[in-house]
Amino acid sequence: MNTDGQKKHTYNASAVILAGGKGSRMGGADKGMLDRKGEPLIAHIKRQLESDFDEIIIGAGSSEKYEFLNCRVVPDLDAGKGPLMGIYSCLLASHSDVNFVTACDIPEMNPGLIHEMISLSDEADIVMPVSKGDKYEPLYAVYRKSVTAAIKTLLDNDRRRIIDLFAHARVKLVDFDHGQWYHNLNRRSAYLDYIKGIRE
């Protein structure tokens, strides 16, 4: 606790959980609302983040659907423009300069990796994990508000690839070994494997 009785968070930063995808590879299911041991996946993600971050924002189209999380829900400023628009909209709405952005289909948070990325953000606009074969993880990365102008330029030119920002920002890449903790549930089969794994 700090002197006014409020819990002291680990970071002077916000966390953004993007939940605005169509779930086409999940048969149209809302990935954030998939069940994980009796609770929605997005609630599990939020619980892992809430003790460390000053603010948690949900990037999604429907505020009613996520009311139970007691978080601010920020819709895309222009719908249908993909995750880059979600990042842009949430960065503009965020109360923090530094923002950890994750997707609602990455269920397990890695505190050590998050800490490393935020620590490096003093010298970068974007801090992003990259694994062997130059596989970037743009939806498990740290973004500063300083990238919003560059994002707007890309979107205005109908460019939606997040890694296109690299040419317009100070970027630090963090070596990333997926290990046992990392799951990306963008397909039904991946979700079923994950659920089976946590039950064993």
N, C-alpha and C. Protein backbone atom coordinates (compact mmCIF):
# COMPACT_ATOMS: atom_id res chain seq x y z
N MET A 1 0.84 -1.20 0.00
CA MET A 1 0.00 0.00 0.00
C MET A 1 0.88 1.25 0.00
N ASN A 2 0.39 2.31 -0.64
CA ASN A 2 1.09 3.58 -0.54
C ASN A 2 0.46 4.43 0.56
N THR A 3 0.90 5.67 0.69
CA THR A 3 0.50 6.49 1.83
C THR A 3 -0.98 6.82 1.85
N ASP A 4 -1.66 6.82 0.71
CA ASP A 4 -3.09 7.13 0.72
C ASP A 4 -3.96 5.87 0.73
N GLY A 5 -3.34 4.72 1.02
CA GLY A 5 -4.11 3.49 1.18
C GLY A 5 -4.38 2.73 -0.10
N GLN A 6 -3.90 3.25 -1.22
CA GLN A 6 -4.11 2.57 -2.49
C GLN A 6 -3.00 1.56 -2.73
N LYS A 7 -3.37 0.45 -3.38
CA LYS A 7 -2.36 -0.57 -3.68
C LYS A 7 -1.33 0.00 -4.66
N LYS A 8 -0.08 -0.25 -4.38
CA LYS A 8 0.99 0.22 -5.27
C LYS A 8 1.22 -0.83 -6.35
N HIS A 9 1.07 -0.43 -7.59
CA HIS A 9 1.27 -1.33 -8.71
C HIS A 9 2.75 -1.41 -9.07
N THR A 10 3.11 -2.50 -9.73
CA THR A 10 4.50 -2.71 -10.10
C THR A 10 4.97 -1.69 -11.13
N TYR A 11 4.11 -1.37 -12.09
CA TYR A 11 4.51 -0.50 -13.20
C TYR A 11 3.66 0.75 -13.26
N ASN A 12 4.27 1.84 -13.64
CA ASN A 12 3.55 3.05 -13.98
C ASN A 12 3.18 2.94 -15.46
N ALA A 13 2.23 2.06 -15.73
CA ALA A 13 1.91 1.69 -17.11
C ALA A 13 0.50 1.12 -17.16
N SER A 14 -0.01 1.02 -18.36
CA SER A 14 -1.31 0.39 -18.58
C SER A 14 -1.14 -0.92 -19.32
N ALA A 15 -2.10 -1.80 -19.13
CA ALA A 15 -2.16 -3.05 -19.90
C ALA A 15 -3.38 -3.00 -20.80
N VAL A 16 -3.20 -3.45 -22.02
CA VAL A 16 -4.28 -3.46 -23.01
C VAL A 16 -4.51 -4.91 -23.42
N ILE A 17 -5.75 -5.35 -23.32
CA ILE A 17 -6.12 -6.69 -23.80
C ILE A 17 -7.01 -6.50 -25.02
N LEU A 18 -6.52 -6.90 -26.18
CA LEU A 18 -7.28 -6.75 -27.42
C LEU A 18 -8.24 -7.93 -27.57
N ALA A 19 -9.52 -7.62 -27.72
CA ALA A 19 -10.54 -8.67 -27.81
C ALA A 19 -11.50 -8.39 -28.96
N GLY A 20 -11.00 -7.73 -29.98
CA GLY A 20 -11.89 -7.28 -31.04
C GLY A 20 -11.91 -8.13 -32.30
N GLY A 21 -11.20 -9.27 -32.31
CA GLY A 21 -11.14 -10.08 -33.52
C GLY A 21 -12.45 -10.78 -33.82
N LYS A 22 -12.57 -11.26 -35.05
CA LYS A 22 -13.80 -11.94 -35.47
C LYS A 22 -13.82 -13.41 -35.10
N GLY A 23 -12.67 -13.97 -34.71
CA GLY A 23 -12.63 -15.38 -34.34
C GLY A 23 -12.92 -16.32 -35.48
N SER A 24 -12.57 -15.91 -36.70
CA SER A 24 -12.90 -16.73 -37.87
C SER A 24 -12.24 -18.09 -37.84
N ARG A 25 -11.00 -18.16 -37.29
CA ARG A 25 -10.31 -19.44 -37.21
C ARG A 25 -10.74 -20.25 -35.99
N MET A 26 -11.65 -19.67 -35.19
CA MET A 26 -12.20 -20.36 -34.03
C MET A 26 -13.67 -20.66 -34.28
N GLY A 27 -14.06 -20.70 -35.56
CA GLY A 27 -15.44 -20.99 -35.90
C GLY A 27 -16.40 -19.88 -35.53
N GLY A 28 -15.87 -18.66 -35.45
CA GLY A 28 -16.72 -17.51 -35.11
C GLY A 28 -16.89 -17.28 -33.62
N ALA A 29 -16.27 -18.12 -32.79
CA ALA A 29 -16.40 -17.96 -31.34
C ALA A 29 -15.63 -16.74 -30.85
N ASP A 30 -16.16 -16.09 -29.82
CA ASP A 30 -15.47 -14.98 -29.18
C ASP A 30 -14.37 -15.57 -28.31
N LYS A 31 -13.12 -15.41 -28.72
CA LYS A 31 -12.02 -16.09 -28.02
C LYS A 31 -11.90 -15.63 -26.57
N GLY A 32 -12.16 -14.38 -26.31
CA GLY A 32 -12.06 -13.88 -24.95
C GLY A 32 -13.05 -14.51 -23.99
N MET A 33 -14.17 -15.02 -24.53
CA MET A 33 -15.21 -15.60 -23.70
C MET A 33 -15.13 -17.12 -23.64
N LEU A 34 -14.11 -17.71 -24.25
CA LEU A 34 -13.95 -19.16 -24.15
C LEU A 34 -13.72 -19.55 -22.69
N ASP A 35 -14.24 -20.70 -22.33
CA ASP A 35 -14.17 -21.14 -20.94
C ASP A 35 -12.78 -21.64 -20.57
N ARG A 36 -12.32 -21.19 -19.41
CA ARG A 36 -11.09 -21.71 -18.82
C ARG A 36 -11.37 -21.99 -17.35
N LYS A 37 -11.56 -23.24 -17.03
CA LYS A 37 -11.84 -23.65 -15.64
C LYS A 37 -12.98 -22.85 -15.03
N GLY A 38 -14.04 -22.68 -15.81
CA GLY A 38 -15.24 -22.05 -15.28
C GLY A 38 -15.30 -20.54 -15.37
N GLU A 39 -14.32 -19.92 -16.00
CA GLU A 39 -14.37 -18.47 -16.19
C GLU A 39 -13.92 -18.13 -17.60
N PRO A 40 -14.33 -16.97 -18.11
CA PRO A 40 -13.90 -16.58 -19.45
C PRO A 40 -12.38 -16.38 -19.50
N LEU A 41 -11.81 -16.72 -20.63
CA LEU A 41 -10.37 -16.60 -20.82
C LEU A 41 -9.88 -15.18 -20.52
N ILE A 42 -10.63 -14.18 -20.93
CA ILE A 42 -10.20 -12.80 -20.75
C ILE A 42 -10.16 -12.42 -19.27
N ALA A 43 -11.02 -13.03 -18.45
CA ALA A 43 -10.98 -12.77 -17.01
C ALA A 43 -9.72 -13.35 -16.39
N HIS A 44 -9.29 -14.51 -16.89
CA HIS A 44 -8.05 -15.12 -16.42
C HIS A 44 -6.86 -14.22 -16.76
N ILE A 45 -6.85 -13.66 -17.96
CA ILE A 45 -5.77 -12.77 -18.37
C ILE A 45 -5.77 -11.51 -17.50
N LYS A 46 -6.94 -10.92 -17.32
CA LYS A 46 -7.03 -9.69 -16.52
C LYS A 46 -6.53 -9.92 -15.10
N ARG A 47 -6.90 -11.05 -14.51
CA ARG A 47 -6.50 -11.32 -13.12
C ARG A 47 -4.98 -11.40 -12.98
N GLN A 48 -4.31 -11.91 -14.02
CA GLN A 48 -2.85 -12.00 -13.97
C GLN A 48 -2.18 -10.63 -14.06
N LEU A 49 -2.87 -9.67 -14.65
CA LEU A 49 -2.27 -8.35 -14.89
C LEU A 49 -2.64 -7.30 -13.85
N GLU A 50 -3.77 -7.48 -13.18
CA GLU A 50 -4.33 -6.36 -12.42
C GLU A 50 -3.48 -5.92 -11.23
N SER A 51 -2.67 -6.79 -10.68
CA SER A 51 -1.87 -6.36 -9.53
C SER A 51 -0.64 -5.55 -9.96
N ASP A 52 -0.28 -5.61 -11.23
CA ASP A 52 0.95 -4.97 -11.70
C ASP A 52 0.74 -3.66 -12.44
N PHE A 53 -0.47 -3.43 -12.96
CA PHE A 53 -0.69 -2.28 -13.83
C PHE A 53 -1.68 -1.28 -13.25
N ASP A 54 -1.40 0.00 -13.46
CA ASP A 54 -2.27 1.07 -12.99
C ASP A 54 -3.66 0.98 -13.62
N GLU A 55 -3.72 0.53 -14.84
CA GLU A 55 -4.96 0.56 -15.60
C GLU A 55 -4.97 -0.64 -16.55
N ILE A 56 -6.14 -1.25 -16.72
CA ILE A 56 -6.32 -2.29 -17.73
C ILE A 56 -7.44 -1.85 -18.66
N ILE A 57 -7.14 -1.84 -19.94
CA ILE A 57 -8.09 -1.45 -20.97
C ILE A 57 -8.44 -2.68 -21.81
N ILE A 58 -9.70 -2.82 -22.15
CA ILE A 58 -10.14 -3.87 -23.05
C ILE A 58 -10.43 -3.24 -24.40
N GLY A 59 -9.72 -3.68 -25.43
CA GLY A 59 -9.99 -3.18 -26.77
C GLY A 59 -11.02 -4.07 -27.44
N ALA A 60 -12.25 -3.59 -27.55
CA ALA A 60 -13.34 -4.44 -28.07
C ALA A 60 -14.48 -3.57 -28.56
N GLY A 61 -15.34 -4.17 -29.36
CA GLY A 61 -16.46 -3.42 -29.92
C GLY A 61 -17.65 -3.29 -28.98
N SER A 62 -17.80 -4.23 -28.04
CA SER A 62 -18.98 -4.25 -27.19
C SER A 62 -18.61 -4.02 -25.73
N SER A 63 -19.06 -2.90 -25.18
CA SER A 63 -18.77 -2.63 -23.78
C SER A 63 -19.63 -3.49 -22.87
N GLU A 64 -20.88 -3.78 -23.31
CA GLU A 64 -21.79 -4.56 -22.47
C GLU A 64 -21.24 -5.96 -22.22
N LYS A 65 -20.66 -6.58 -23.23
CA LYS A 65 -20.17 -7.95 -23.10
C LYS A 65 -19.11 -8.08 -22.03
N TYR A 66 -18.29 -7.02 -21.86
CA TYR A 66 -17.17 -7.09 -20.94
C TYR A 66 -17.38 -6.26 -19.67
N GLU A 67 -18.61 -5.89 -19.40
CA GLU A 67 -18.90 -5.11 -18.19
C GLU A 67 -18.45 -5.82 -16.93
N PHE A 68 -18.55 -7.15 -16.94
CA PHE A 68 -18.23 -7.94 -15.73
C PHE A 68 -16.76 -7.79 -15.33
N LEU A 69 -15.90 -7.32 -16.22
CA LEU A 69 -14.48 -7.16 -15.91
C LEU A 69 -14.19 -5.89 -15.13
N ASN A 70 -15.15 -4.95 -15.12
CA ASN A 70 -14.95 -3.66 -14.44
C ASN A 70 -13.73 -2.92 -14.98
N CYS A 71 -13.55 -2.96 -16.28
CA CYS A 71 -12.47 -2.25 -16.96
C CYS A 71 -13.08 -1.33 -18.01
N ARG A 72 -12.31 -0.34 -18.40
CA ARG A 72 -12.75 0.52 -19.49
C ARG A 72 -12.65 -0.25 -20.81
N VAL A 73 -13.70 -0.22 -21.59
CA VAL A 73 -13.71 -0.86 -22.91
C VAL A 73 -13.59 0.22 -23.97
N VAL A 74 -12.59 0.06 -24.84
CA VAL A 74 -12.32 1.05 -25.88
C VAL A 74 -12.57 0.42 -27.25
N PRO A 75 -13.56 0.90 -28.00
CA PRO A 75 -13.80 0.37 -29.34
C PRO A 75 -12.82 0.94 -30.35
N ASP A 76 -12.65 0.25 -31.46
CA ASP A 76 -11.82 0.77 -32.54
C ASP A 76 -12.42 2.06 -33.07
N LEU A 77 -11.57 3.03 -33.35
CA LEU A 77 -12.05 4.30 -33.91
C LEU A 77 -12.62 4.10 -35.31
N ASP A 78 -12.13 3.08 -35.99
CA ASP A 78 -12.65 2.74 -37.32
C ASP A 78 -12.69 1.23 -37.38
N ALA A 79 -13.88 0.67 -37.34
CA ALA A 79 -14.03 -0.78 -37.22
C ALA A 79 -13.54 -1.51 -38.46
N GLY A 80 -13.09 -2.74 -38.25
CA GLY A 80 -12.71 -3.61 -39.36
C GLY A 80 -11.32 -3.37 -39.91
N LYS A 81 -10.47 -2.65 -39.17
CA LYS A 81 -9.13 -2.33 -39.65
C LYS A 81 -8.05 -3.19 -38.98
N GLY A 82 -8.46 -4.21 -38.23
CA GLY A 82 -7.49 -5.14 -37.69
C GLY A 82 -6.85 -4.69 -36.39
N PRO A 83 -5.89 -5.49 -35.87
CA PRO A 83 -5.30 -5.21 -34.56
C PRO A 83 -4.49 -3.92 -34.50
N LEU A 84 -3.94 -3.45 -35.62
CA LEU A 84 -3.21 -2.19 -35.58
C LEU A 84 -4.14 -1.05 -35.19
N MET A 85 -5.37 -1.08 -35.69
CA MET A 85 -6.35 -0.07 -35.30
C MET A 85 -6.72 -0.23 -33.83
N GLY A 86 -6.79 -1.47 -33.35
CA GLY A 86 -7.07 -1.69 -31.94
C GLY A 86 -5.98 -1.11 -31.06
N ILE A 87 -4.74 -1.33 -31.43
CA ILE A 87 -3.61 -0.76 -30.68
C ILE A 87 -3.69 0.76 -30.70
N TYR A 88 -3.91 1.33 -31.86
CA TYR A 88 -3.97 2.78 -32.01
C TYR A 88 -5.07 3.38 -31.13
N SER A 89 -6.26 2.79 -31.19
CA SER A 89 -7.40 3.31 -30.43
C SER A 89 -7.13 3.25 -28.94
N CYS A 90 -6.56 2.15 -28.49
CA CYS A 90 -6.30 1.98 -27.05
C CYS A 90 -5.15 2.86 -26.57
N LEU A 91 -4.12 3.04 -27.40
CA LEU A 91 -3.04 3.95 -27.01
C LEU A 91 -3.56 5.37 -26.84
N LEU A 92 -4.41 5.80 -27.73
CA LEU A 92 -4.96 7.15 -27.61
C LEU A 92 -5.80 7.30 -26.33
N ALA A 93 -6.48 6.23 -25.95
CA ALA A 93 -7.36 6.29 -24.78
C ALA A 93 -6.63 6.05 -23.47
N SER A 94 -5.46 5.48 -23.53
CA SER A 94 -4.73 5.09 -22.33
C SER A 94 -4.31 6.30 -21.50
N HIS A 95 -4.29 6.10 -20.19
CA HIS A 95 -3.81 7.14 -19.28
C HIS A 95 -2.30 7.10 -19.11
N SER A 96 -1.65 6.10 -19.71
CA SER A 96 -0.21 5.89 -19.51
C SER A 96 0.56 6.07 -20.81
N ASP A 97 1.80 6.49 -20.68
CA ASP A 97 2.68 6.58 -21.84
C ASP A 97 3.15 5.20 -22.28
N VAL A 98 3.39 4.32 -21.31
CA VAL A 98 3.88 2.96 -21.59
C VAL A 98 2.71 1.99 -21.47
N ASN A 99 2.58 1.12 -22.48
CA ASN A 99 1.44 0.21 -22.53
C ASN A 99 1.87 -1.18 -22.96
N PHE A 100 1.57 -2.15 -22.13
CA PHE A 100 1.76 -3.54 -22.51
C PHE A 100 0.50 -4.02 -23.22
N VAL A 101 0.67 -4.49 -24.45
CA VAL A 101 -0.47 -4.91 -25.27
C VAL A 101 -0.41 -6.42 -25.47
N THR A 102 -1.52 -7.08 -25.16
CA THR A 102 -1.62 -8.51 -25.41
C THR A 102 -2.96 -8.81 -26.05
N ALA A 103 -3.09 -10.02 -26.57
CA ALA A 103 -4.32 -10.45 -27.21
C ALA A 103 -5.07 -11.39 -26.28
N CYS A 104 -6.38 -11.46 -26.45
CA CYS A 104 -7.20 -12.28 -25.56
C CYS A 104 -7.06 -13.77 -25.85
N ASP A 105 -6.28 -14.14 -26.88
CA ASP A 105 -6.07 -15.56 -27.16
C ASP A 105 -4.68 -16.03 -26.72
N ILE A 106 -3.97 -15.21 -25.93
CA ILE A 106 -2.71 -15.63 -25.30
C ILE A 106 -3.02 -15.70 -23.80
N PRO A 107 -3.37 -16.87 -23.29
CA PRO A 107 -3.95 -16.94 -21.95
C PRO A 107 -2.99 -16.78 -20.79
N GLU A 108 -1.71 -17.12 -20.97
CA GLU A 108 -0.79 -17.11 -19.85
C GLU A 108 0.19 -15.94 -19.97
N MET A 109 0.28 -15.16 -18.91
CA MET A 109 1.21 -14.05 -18.88
C MET A 109 2.55 -14.51 -18.31
N ASN A 110 3.63 -13.91 -18.80
CA ASN A 110 4.97 -14.23 -18.33
C ASN A 110 5.54 -12.99 -17.65
N PRO A 111 5.44 -12.90 -16.31
CA PRO A 111 5.86 -11.68 -15.61
C PRO A 111 7.30 -11.29 -15.89
N GLY A 112 8.20 -12.27 -16.00
CA GLY A 112 9.60 -11.95 -16.26
C GLY A 112 9.80 -11.27 -17.60
N LEU A 113 9.14 -11.78 -18.63
CA LEU A 113 9.25 -11.19 -19.97
C LEU A 113 8.62 -9.80 -20.00
N ILE A 114 7.46 -9.67 -19.38
CA ILE A 114 6.80 -8.36 -19.33
C ILE A 114 7.69 -7.34 -18.63
N HIS A 115 8.27 -7.74 -17.51
CA HIS A 115 9.17 -6.84 -16.77
C HIS A 115 10.36 -6.43 -17.63
N GLU A 116 10.94 -7.38 -18.35
CA GLU A 116 12.09 -7.06 -19.20
C GLU A 116 11.71 -6.05 -20.27
N MET A 117 10.55 -6.25 -20.90
CA MET A 117 10.14 -5.36 -21.98
C MET A 117 9.86 -3.96 -21.46
N ILE A 118 9.17 -3.86 -20.34
CA ILE A 118 8.87 -2.54 -19.79
C ILE A 118 10.16 -1.84 -19.35
N SER A 119 11.09 -2.59 -18.82
CA SER A 119 12.38 -2.01 -18.41
C SER A 119 13.13 -1.41 -19.60
N LEU A 120 12.98 -2.02 -20.76
CA LEU A 120 13.66 -1.55 -21.96
C LEU A 120 12.93 -0.40 -22.65
N SER A 121 11.70 -0.12 -22.24
CA SER A 121 10.90 0.88 -22.95
C SER A 121 11.37 2.31 -22.72
N ASP A 122 12.26 2.53 -21.76
CA ASP A 122 12.81 3.87 -21.57
C ASP A 122 13.58 4.33 -22.80
N GLU A 123 14.10 3.38 -23.57
CA GLU A 123 14.94 3.71 -24.72
C GLU A 123 14.31 3.28 -26.04
N ALA A 124 13.02 3.00 -26.03
CA ALA A 124 12.38 2.51 -27.26
C ALA A 124 10.91 2.91 -27.29
N ASP A 125 10.38 3.00 -28.50
CA ASP A 125 8.95 3.23 -28.68
C ASP A 125 8.18 1.92 -28.67
N ILE A 126 8.85 0.86 -29.13
CA ILE A 126 8.25 -0.47 -29.18
C ILE A 126 9.27 -1.46 -28.65
N VAL A 127 8.85 -2.34 -27.75
CA VAL A 127 9.68 -3.46 -27.32
C VAL A 127 8.88 -4.73 -27.61
N MET A 128 9.48 -5.60 -28.42
CA MET A 128 8.72 -6.74 -28.93
C MET A 128 9.55 -8.02 -28.86
N PRO A 129 8.94 -9.12 -28.45
CA PRO A 129 9.65 -10.40 -28.48
C PRO A 129 9.81 -10.91 -29.91
N VAL A 130 10.92 -11.59 -30.14
CA VAL A 130 11.15 -12.24 -31.43
C VAL A 130 11.81 -13.58 -31.16
N SER A 131 11.30 -14.62 -31.79
CA SER A 131 11.86 -15.95 -31.59
C SER A 131 12.64 -16.37 -32.83
N LYS A 132 13.17 -17.56 -32.79
CA LYS A 132 13.98 -18.04 -33.90
C LYS A 132 13.21 -17.97 -35.21
N GLY A 133 13.93 -17.64 -36.28
CA GLY A 133 13.28 -17.49 -37.58
C GLY A 133 12.57 -16.17 -37.74
N ASP A 134 12.96 -15.18 -36.93
CA ASP A 134 12.35 -13.84 -37.00
C ASP A 134 10.83 -13.89 -36.86
N LYS A 135 10.35 -14.68 -35.92
CA LYS A 135 8.91 -14.72 -35.64
C LYS A 135 8.60 -13.70 -34.55
N TYR A 136 7.98 -12.60 -34.96
CA TYR A 136 7.67 -11.52 -34.04
C TYR A 136 6.37 -11.79 -33.29
N GLU A 137 6.25 -11.19 -32.11
CA GLU A 137 5.04 -11.32 -31.30
C GLU A 137 4.46 -9.92 -31.07
N PRO A 138 3.84 -9.32 -32.09
CA PRO A 138 3.36 -7.93 -31.96
C PRO A 138 2.20 -7.76 -31.00
N LEU A 139 1.51 -8.86 -30.68
CA LEU A 139 0.40 -8.77 -29.74
C LEU A 139 0.77 -9.34 -28.38
N TYR A 140 2.04 -9.22 -28.06
CA TYR A 140 2.54 -9.47 -26.70
C TYR A 140 3.76 -8.58 -26.55
N ALA A 141 3.53 -7.28 -26.62
CA ALA A 141 4.63 -6.32 -26.75
C ALA A 141 4.29 -5.04 -26.01
N VAL A 142 5.29 -4.17 -25.88
CA VAL A 142 5.12 -2.89 -25.21
C VAL A 142 5.18 -1.77 -26.25
N TYR A 143 4.23 -0.85 -26.16
CA TYR A 143 4.15 0.29 -27.07
C TYR A 143 4.03 1.57 -26.25
N ARG A 144 4.77 2.58 -26.66
CA ARG A 144 4.62 3.91 -26.07
C ARG A 144 3.65 4.74 -26.92
N LYS A 145 3.07 5.74 -26.30
CA LYS A 145 2.16 6.62 -27.04
C LYS A 145 2.88 7.33 -28.20
N SER A 146 4.19 7.39 -28.14
CA SER A 146 4.95 8.07 -29.20
C SER A 146 4.77 7.44 -30.57
N VAL A 147 4.22 6.22 -30.64
CA VAL A 147 4.05 5.58 -31.96
C VAL A 147 2.71 5.92 -32.60
N THR A 148 1.85 6.66 -31.90
CA THR A 148 0.50 6.85 -32.45
C THR A 148 0.50 7.61 -33.77
N ALA A 149 1.37 8.60 -33.91
CA ALA A 149 1.41 9.35 -35.18
C ALA A 149 1.81 8.44 -36.34
N ALA A 150 2.79 7.59 -36.10
CA ALA A 150 3.23 6.66 -37.15
C ALA A 150 2.13 5.66 -37.49
N ILE A 151 1.43 5.18 -36.46
CA ILE A 151 0.33 4.24 -36.72
C ILE A 151 -0.75 4.91 -37.56
N LYS A 152 -1.08 6.15 -37.22
CA LYS A 152 -2.12 6.86 -37.99
C LYS A 152 -1.71 7.00 -39.45
N THR A 153 -0.44 7.30 -39.69
CA THR A 153 0.03 7.43 -41.07
C THR A 153 -0.13 6.11 -41.82
N LEU A 154 0.23 5.00 -41.17
CA LEU A 154 0.08 3.69 -41.82
C LEU A 154 -1.39 3.40 -42.10
N LEU A 155 -2.24 3.61 -41.13
CA LEU A 155 -3.66 3.31 -41.31
C LEU A 155 -4.29 4.20 -42.38
N ASP A 156 -3.88 5.47 -42.41
CA ASP A 156 -4.42 6.38 -43.43
C ASP A 156 -4.04 5.94 -44.83
N ASN A 157 -2.94 5.16 -44.91
CA ASN A 157 -2.49 4.64 -46.21
C ASN A 157 -2.88 3.17 -46.39
N ASP A 158 -3.85 2.73 -45.58
CA ASP A 158 -4.38 1.37 -45.64
C ASP A 158 -3.30 0.30 -45.47
N ARG A 159 -2.33 0.62 -44.62
CA ARG A 159 -1.29 -0.36 -44.27
C ARG A 159 -1.55 -0.83 -42.85
N ARG A 160 -1.74 -2.13 -42.68
CA ARG A 160 -2.21 -2.65 -41.40
C ARG A 160 -1.23 -3.60 -40.72
N ARG A 161 -0.08 -3.83 -41.31
CA ARG A 161 0.89 -4.74 -40.69
C ARG A 161 1.62 -4.02 -39.57
N ILE A 162 1.57 -4.60 -38.39
CA ILE A 162 2.19 -3.94 -37.23
C ILE A 162 3.69 -3.77 -37.42
N ILE A 163 4.34 -4.75 -38.04
CA ILE A 163 5.79 -4.65 -38.18
C ILE A 163 6.21 -3.55 -39.16
N ASP A 164 5.27 -3.00 -39.92
CA ASP A 164 5.60 -1.85 -40.76
C ASP A 164 5.97 -0.62 -39.92
N LEU A 165 5.61 -0.67 -38.63
CA LEU A 165 5.98 0.43 -37.73
C LEU A 165 7.48 0.49 -37.49
N PHE A 166 8.17 -0.62 -37.72
CA PHE A 166 9.60 -0.68 -37.39
C PHE A 166 10.40 0.42 -38.10
N ALA A 167 9.96 0.80 -39.29
CA ALA A 167 10.68 1.82 -40.06
C ALA A 167 10.45 3.22 -39.51
N HIS A 168 9.51 3.36 -38.58
CA HIS A 168 9.12 4.70 -38.11
C HIS A 168 9.24 4.85 -36.59
N ALA A 169 9.91 3.91 -35.93
CA ALA A 169 9.97 3.95 -34.47
C ALA A 169 11.29 3.38 -33.97
N ARG A 170 11.61 3.71 -32.74
CA ARG A 170 12.76 3.08 -32.08
C ARG A 170 12.28 1.74 -31.54
N VAL A 171 12.89 0.69 -32.02
CA VAL A 171 12.42 -0.66 -31.69
C VAL A 171 13.52 -1.44 -30.98
N LYS A 172 13.16 -2.10 -29.91
CA LYS A 172 14.05 -3.06 -29.26
C LYS A 172 13.40 -4.43 -29.34
N LEU A 173 14.17 -5.42 -29.76
CA LEU A 173 13.67 -6.78 -29.85
C LEU A 173 14.24 -7.60 -28.71
N VAL A 174 13.40 -8.43 -28.13
CA VAL A 174 13.78 -9.27 -27.00
C VAL A 174 13.75 -10.73 -27.46
N ASP A 175 14.84 -11.43 -27.24
CA ASP A 175 14.87 -12.86 -27.60
C ASP A 175 13.79 -13.59 -26.82
N PHE A 176 13.08 -14.44 -27.53
CA PHE A 176 11.87 -15.05 -26.98
C PHE A 176 11.88 -16.55 -27.25
N ASP A 177 11.93 -17.33 -26.18
CA ASP A 177 11.80 -18.78 -26.27
C ASP A 177 10.41 -19.12 -25.76
N HIS A 178 9.56 -19.64 -26.62
CA HIS A 178 8.16 -19.86 -26.26
C HIS A 178 8.00 -20.67 -24.97
N GLY A 179 8.82 -21.70 -24.78
CA GLY A 179 8.74 -22.49 -23.56
C GLY A 179 7.37 -23.11 -23.34
N GLN A 180 7.16 -23.57 -22.13
CA GLN A 180 5.91 -24.27 -21.81
C GLN A 180 4.75 -23.32 -21.52
N TRP A 181 5.05 -22.07 -21.19
CA TRP A 181 3.99 -21.17 -20.77
C TRP A 181 3.19 -20.59 -21.93
N TYR A 182 3.81 -20.53 -23.11
CA TYR A 182 3.21 -19.76 -24.21
C TYR A 182 2.19 -20.59 -24.99
N HIS A 183 1.01 -20.02 -25.14
CA HIS A 183 -0.05 -20.62 -25.97
C HIS A 183 -0.70 -19.49 -26.76
N ASN A 184 -0.96 -19.74 -28.03
CA ASN A 184 -1.70 -18.80 -28.86
C ASN A 184 -2.92 -19.55 -29.39
N LEU A 185 -4.07 -19.23 -28.83
CA LEU A 185 -5.28 -20.01 -29.10
C LEU A 185 -6.07 -19.44 -30.27
N ASN A 186 -5.43 -19.34 -31.41
CA ASN A 186 -6.13 -18.76 -32.56
C ASN A 186 -6.88 -19.80 -33.39
N ARG A 187 -6.78 -21.06 -33.00
CA ARG A 187 -7.54 -22.12 -33.67
C ARG A 187 -8.21 -23.00 -32.62
N ARG A 188 -9.31 -23.61 -33.01
CA ARG A 188 -10.04 -24.48 -32.09
C ARG A 188 -9.15 -25.60 -31.55
N SER A 189 -8.33 -26.16 -32.42
CA SER A 189 -7.46 -27.26 -32.00
C SER A 189 -6.47 -26.81 -30.93
N ALA A 190 -5.96 -25.59 -31.07
CA ALA A 190 -5.01 -25.06 -30.08
C ALA A 190 -5.70 -24.85 -28.74
N TYR A 191 -6.94 -24.37 -28.78
CA TYR A 191 -7.70 -24.17 -27.55
C TYR A 191 -7.95 -25.50 -26.84
N LEU A 192 -8.36 -26.51 -27.59
CA LEU A 192 -8.64 -27.82 -26.99
C LEU A 192 -7.38 -28.44 -26.41
N ASP A 193 -6.25 -28.27 -27.09
CA ASP A 193 -4.98 -28.78 -26.55
C ASP A 193 -4.61 -28.06 -25.26
N TYR A 194 -4.84 -26.75 -25.23
CA TYR A 194 -4.53 -25.96 -24.04
C TYR A 194 -5.39 -26.40 -22.86
N ILE A 195 -6.69 -26.54 -23.08
CA ILE A 195 -7.60 -26.96 -22.01
C ILE A 195 -7.23 -28.34 -21.50
N LYS A 196 -6.88 -29.22 -22.41
CA LYS A 196 -6.47 -30.56 -22.00
C LYS A 196 -5.21 -30.49 -21.13
N GLY A 197 -4.28 -29.62 -21.52
CA GLY A 197 -3.02 -29.50 -20.79
C GLY A 197 -3.19 -28.99 -19.37
N ILE A 198 -4.08 -28.02 -19.17
CA ILE A 198 -4.25 -27.45 -17.83
C ILE A 198 -5.09 -28.36 -16.93
N ARG A 199 -5.75 -29.35 -17.52
CA ARG A 199 -6.53 -30.30 -16.72
C ARG A 199 -5.68 -31.47 -16.26
N GLU A 200 -4.56 -31.69 -16.94
CA GLU A 200 -3.74 -32.86 -16.62
C GLU A 200 -2.88 -32.62 -15.39
